[in-house]
Amino acid sequence: MYELKTKETDNSVIEFIEQIENPKKREDAYKLLDIFTETTGFEAKMWGPSIIGFGSYHYKYASGHEGDAALVGFSPRKAKISLYFAPGEPKREEVLKQLGKHTSGKACVYVNKLADIDVEVLKALINESVSFLQKMYPAK
């Protein structure tokens, strides 16, 4: 059976951020930690070795595959900062047009630095994603 790699861990979010070599990226990570915490109201948790996630939901697909995932999160990677939002959220593409300099994949939005994006738009993306996932996968 498939084993999910990205699981919530007990690792310290602060210790993870402190290990970021680039001082500017470390500073952005602390700012993102504040933004995501204040916007979601959830405590930050490490998911796997490098994702800082907020809240969680349990999903189950028609195929029978199921697991838990963070509602939203971010990872300050070497090349870019990855922002994790709900894939399939209907307002996402429209809101992303207002975000600022970024690229995006299915579930991730990639930014070079926090200064490249509009923080208020980021907060809107966070709220839309959390709301969408909580409706799609209501807590039992």
Protein backbone atom coordinates (compact mmCIF):
# COMPACT_ATOMS: atom_id res chain seq x y z
CA MET A 1 0.00 0.00 0.00
CA TYR A 2 1.13 3.55 -0.77
CA GLU A 3 2.75 5.28 2.20
CA LEU A 4 2.34 9.06 2.36
CA LYS A 5 5.75 10.74 2.68
CA THR A 6 4.62 14.14 3.90
CA LYS A 7 3.20 13.60 7.37
CA GLU A 8 2.88 15.90 10.35
CA THR A 9 5.90 15.56 12.64
CA ASP A 10 6.87 16.79 16.11
CA ASN A 11 9.95 18.58 14.73
CA SER A 12 10.39 22.21 15.76
CA VAL A 13 9.32 24.84 13.23
CA ILE A 14 11.67 27.40 14.80
CA GLU A 15 14.65 25.02 14.68
CA PHE A 16 13.89 24.34 11.01
CA ILE A 17 13.75 28.06 10.19
CA GLU A 18 16.96 28.72 12.15
CA GLN A 19 18.76 26.19 9.91
CA ILE A 20 18.06 28.26 6.77
CA GLU A 21 21.46 29.50 5.60
CA ASN A 22 20.35 32.55 3.61
CA PRO A 23 19.55 35.33 6.14
CA LYS A 24 17.00 37.02 3.84
CA LYS A 25 15.18 33.72 3.21
CA ARG A 26 15.22 33.03 6.96
CA GLU A 27 13.71 36.49 7.60
CA ASP A 28 11.01 35.83 4.95
CA ALA A 29 10.27 32.46 6.58
CA TYR A 30 9.61 34.16 9.94
CA LYS A 31 7.36 36.73 8.25
CA LEU A 32 5.46 33.94 6.47
CA LEU A 33 5.15 32.06 9.75
CA ASP A 34 3.45 35.13 11.26
CA ILE A 35 1.22 35.72 8.21
CA PHE A 36 0.02 32.10 7.97
CA THR A 37 -0.46 31.77 11.76
CA GLU A 38 -2.44 35.01 12.04
CA THR A 39 -4.50 34.34 8.91
CA THR A 40 -5.41 30.71 9.63
CA GLY A 41 -5.53 30.76 13.43
CA PHE A 42 -3.73 27.39 13.37
CA GLU A 43 -0.45 26.53 15.04
CA ALA A 44 2.45 25.88 12.66
CA LYS A 45 3.55 22.24 12.40
CA MET A 46 6.30 20.58 10.41
CA TRP A 47 5.05 18.28 7.64
CA GLY A 48 7.86 16.04 6.51
CA PRO A 49 11.37 17.47 6.73
CA SER A 50 10.78 20.85 5.06
CA ILE A 51 7.13 21.98 4.88
CA ILE A 52 5.58 24.25 7.50
CA GLY A 53 1.85 23.50 7.51
CA PHE A 54 -1.21 24.99 9.18
CA GLY A 55 -4.31 23.03 10.10
CA SER A 56 -5.06 19.67 8.54
CA TYR A 57 -7.75 17.72 6.76
CA HIS A 58 -8.41 14.07 6.00
CA TYR A 59 -9.09 13.18 2.38
CA LYS A 60 -10.32 10.00 0.76
CA TYR A 61 -10.40 9.52 -3.01
CA ALA A 62 -12.72 7.27 -5.00
CA SER A 63 -9.70 5.01 -5.59
CA GLY A 64 -9.63 4.30 -1.85
CA HIS A 65 -6.40 6.28 -1.32
CA GLU A 66 -6.68 8.42 1.79
CA GLY A 67 -4.49 10.46 4.09
CA ASP A 68 -3.99 13.68 5.98
CA ALA A 69 -2.53 16.91 4.66
CA ALA A 70 -1.99 20.48 5.82
CA LEU A 71 -4.70 22.94 4.80
CA VAL A 72 -2.04 25.43 3.69
CA GLY A 73 1.67 25.82 4.17
CA PHE A 74 5.01 26.96 2.85
CA SER A 75 8.56 25.77 2.45
CA PRO A 76 11.55 28.12 2.23
CA ARG A 77 13.56 26.09 -0.28
CA LYS A 78 17.00 27.07 -1.59
CA ALA A 79 15.84 28.22 -5.03
CA LYS A 80 12.37 29.61 -4.27
CA ILE A 81 9.78 29.74 -1.53
CA SER A 82 6.99 27.22 -2.15
CA LEU A 83 3.51 28.22 -1.01
CA TYR A 84 1.00 25.38 -0.70
CA PHE A 85 -2.68 25.96 -1.39
CA ALA A 86 -5.65 23.76 -2.26
CA PRO A 87 -5.50 22.36 -5.78
CA GLY A 88 -8.79 22.90 -7.58
CA GLU A 89 -9.87 25.92 -5.54
CA PRO A 90 -12.06 27.79 -8.06
CA LYS A 91 -11.04 31.40 -7.22
CA ARG A 92 -7.31 30.65 -7.09
CA GLU A 93 -6.34 31.56 -10.66
CA GLU A 94 -8.18 34.88 -10.51
CA VAL A 95 -6.60 35.83 -7.18
CA LEU A 96 -3.13 34.74 -8.34
CA LYS A 97 -3.27 37.40 -11.08
CA GLN A 98 -3.06 40.01 -8.30
CA LEU A 99 -0.34 38.29 -6.24
CA GLY A 100 2.75 39.71 -7.89
CA LYS A 101 5.84 37.98 -9.27
CA HIS A 102 5.36 34.20 -9.03
CA THR A 103 5.12 30.94 -10.94
CA SER A 104 2.70 28.15 -10.13
CA GLY A 105 2.13 24.42 -10.38
CA LYS A 106 -0.85 22.23 -9.45
CA ALA A 107 -0.79 22.86 -5.70
CA CYS A 108 2.26 25.12 -5.31
CA VAL A 109 2.95 28.76 -5.95
CA TYR A 110 6.62 29.68 -6.14
CA VAL A 111 8.06 33.08 -5.20
CA ASN A 112 11.64 34.30 -5.00
CA LYS A 113 11.08 36.54 -2.00
CA LEU A 114 8.23 37.93 0.04
CA ALA A 115 8.89 41.46 -1.24
CA ASP A 116 7.82 40.27 -4.74
CA ILE A 117 4.21 39.65 -3.71
CA ASP A 118 1.23 41.48 -2.22
CA VAL A 119 0.78 40.20 1.35
CA GLU A 120 -2.93 41.07 1.38
CA VAL A 121 -3.46 38.93 -1.73
CA LEU A 122 -1.45 36.14 -0.04
CA LYS A 123 -3.84 36.34 2.93
CA ALA A 124 -6.81 36.08 0.55
CA LEU A 125 -5.28 32.97 -1.05
CA ILE A 126 -4.74 31.42 2.38
CA ASN A 127 -8.34 32.13 3.43
CA GLU A 128 -9.82 30.83 0.15
CA SER A 129 -7.78 27.64 0.35
CA VAL A 130 -8.67 26.90 3.99
CA SER A 131 -12.35 27.61 3.38
CA PHE A 132 -12.43 25.47 0.21
CA LEU A 133 -10.74 22.47 1.86
CA GLN A 134 -12.89 22.66 4.99
CA LYS A 135 -16.01 22.55 2.78
CA MET A 136 -14.66 19.73 0.59
CA TYR A 137 -13.45 17.65 3.53
CA PRO A 138 -15.52 18.56 6.60
CA ALA A 139 -14.13 17.43 9.94
CA LYS A 140 -16.00 14.48 11.40
